């Protein structure tokens, strides 16, 4: 699976915010890939919940999805 099992993402008051534009671009690209890689749909939809105000843990959770997709790019 493209995410760690049992990962729970939520908004935290003490987590550092991340760049909203970069996060939205990353997740938007992953949403586009859902059409060709359905096995990533749960992980990407979970990441998209935090598009409005992403924090560092949300960006860190997107990294395994990218690592999962990277070997399949031709």
Protein backbone atom coordinates (compact mmCIF):
# COMPACT_ATOMS: atom_id res chain seq x y z
CA UNK A 1 0.00 0.00 0.00
CA UNK A 2 1.22 3.56 -0.60
CA UNK A 3 0.79 4.64 3.04
CA UNK A 4 1.86 3.34 6.40
CA UNK A 5 -0.70 1.17 8.15
CA UNK A 6 -2.57 2.85 10.96
CA UNK A 7 -1.43 6.38 10.14
CA UNK A 8 -3.72 9.03 11.57
CA UNK A 9 -3.58 12.55 10.23
CA UNK A 10 -5.19 15.44 12.05
CA UNK A 11 -4.73 19.17 12.61
CA UNK A 12 -2.53 20.03 15.52
CA UNK A 13 -2.08 23.38 17.20
CA UNK A 14 1.67 22.88 17.71
CA UNK A 15 2.63 21.45 14.28
CA UNK A 16 4.52 23.66 11.86
CA UNK A 17 2.53 24.84 8.83
CA UNK A 18 3.88 24.10 5.36
CA UNK A 19 3.62 25.98 2.08
CA UNK A 20 -0.02 25.73 1.02
CA UNK A 21 0.64 26.28 -2.68
CA UNK A 22 3.20 23.47 -2.95
CA UNK A 23 1.04 21.05 -0.97
CA UNK A 24 -2.03 21.82 -3.06
CA UNK A 25 -0.02 21.34 -6.25
CA UNK A 26 1.35 18.01 -5.03
CA UNK A 27 -2.00 16.63 -3.92
CA UNK A 28 -3.69 17.98 -7.06
CA UNK A 29 -1.20 16.06 -9.18
CA UNK A 30 -1.82 12.93 -7.13
CA UNK A 31 -5.58 13.36 -7.61
CA UNK A 32 -4.97 13.43 -11.36
CA UNK A 33 -3.03 10.14 -11.05
CA UNK A 34 -5.93 8.41 -9.28
CA UNK A 35 -7.49 7.80 -12.69
CA UNK A 36 -4.60 5.55 -13.72
CA UNK A 37 -3.54 4.17 -10.33
CA UNK A 38 -6.64 3.32 -8.33
CA UNK A 39 -4.67 1.72 -5.52
CA UNK A 40 -3.57 5.20 -4.38
CA UNK A 41 -7.10 6.61 -4.15
CA UNK A 42 -7.55 6.11 -0.38
CA UNK A 43 -4.20 7.67 0.50
CA UNK A 44 -4.69 10.64 -1.81
CA UNK A 45 -8.23 11.30 -0.63
CA UNK A 46 -6.99 11.24 2.96
CA UNK A 47 -4.26 13.76 2.08
CA UNK A 48 -6.75 16.01 0.31
CA UNK A 49 -8.64 16.61 3.56
CA UNK A 50 -5.87 19.00 4.60
CA UNK A 51 -5.60 21.12 1.43
CA UNK A 52 -6.77 24.29 3.14
CA UNK A 53 -4.15 24.44 5.92
CA UNK A 54 -1.47 21.74 5.52
CA UNK A 55 1.11 21.08 8.20
CA UNK A 56 4.46 19.26 8.21
CA UNK A 57 2.98 15.83 9.16
CA UNK A 58 0.63 16.02 6.16
CA UNK A 59 3.52 16.72 3.79
CA UNK A 60 5.51 13.91 5.39
CA UNK A 61 2.58 11.54 4.82
CA UNK A 62 2.59 12.41 1.10
CA UNK A 63 6.21 11.28 0.69
CA UNK A 64 5.50 7.51 0.84
CA UNK A 65 2.83 7.92 -1.84
CA UNK A 66 5.40 9.57 -4.12
CA UNK A 67 7.93 6.82 -3.35
CA UNK A 68 5.27 4.25 -4.22
CA UNK A 69 4.57 5.87 -7.60
CA UNK A 70 8.16 6.72 -8.58
CA UNK A 71 9.25 3.23 -9.74
CA UNK A 72 6.25 2.98 -12.08
CA UNK A 73 7.06 6.15 -14.05
CA UNK A 74 8.36 5.44 -17.54
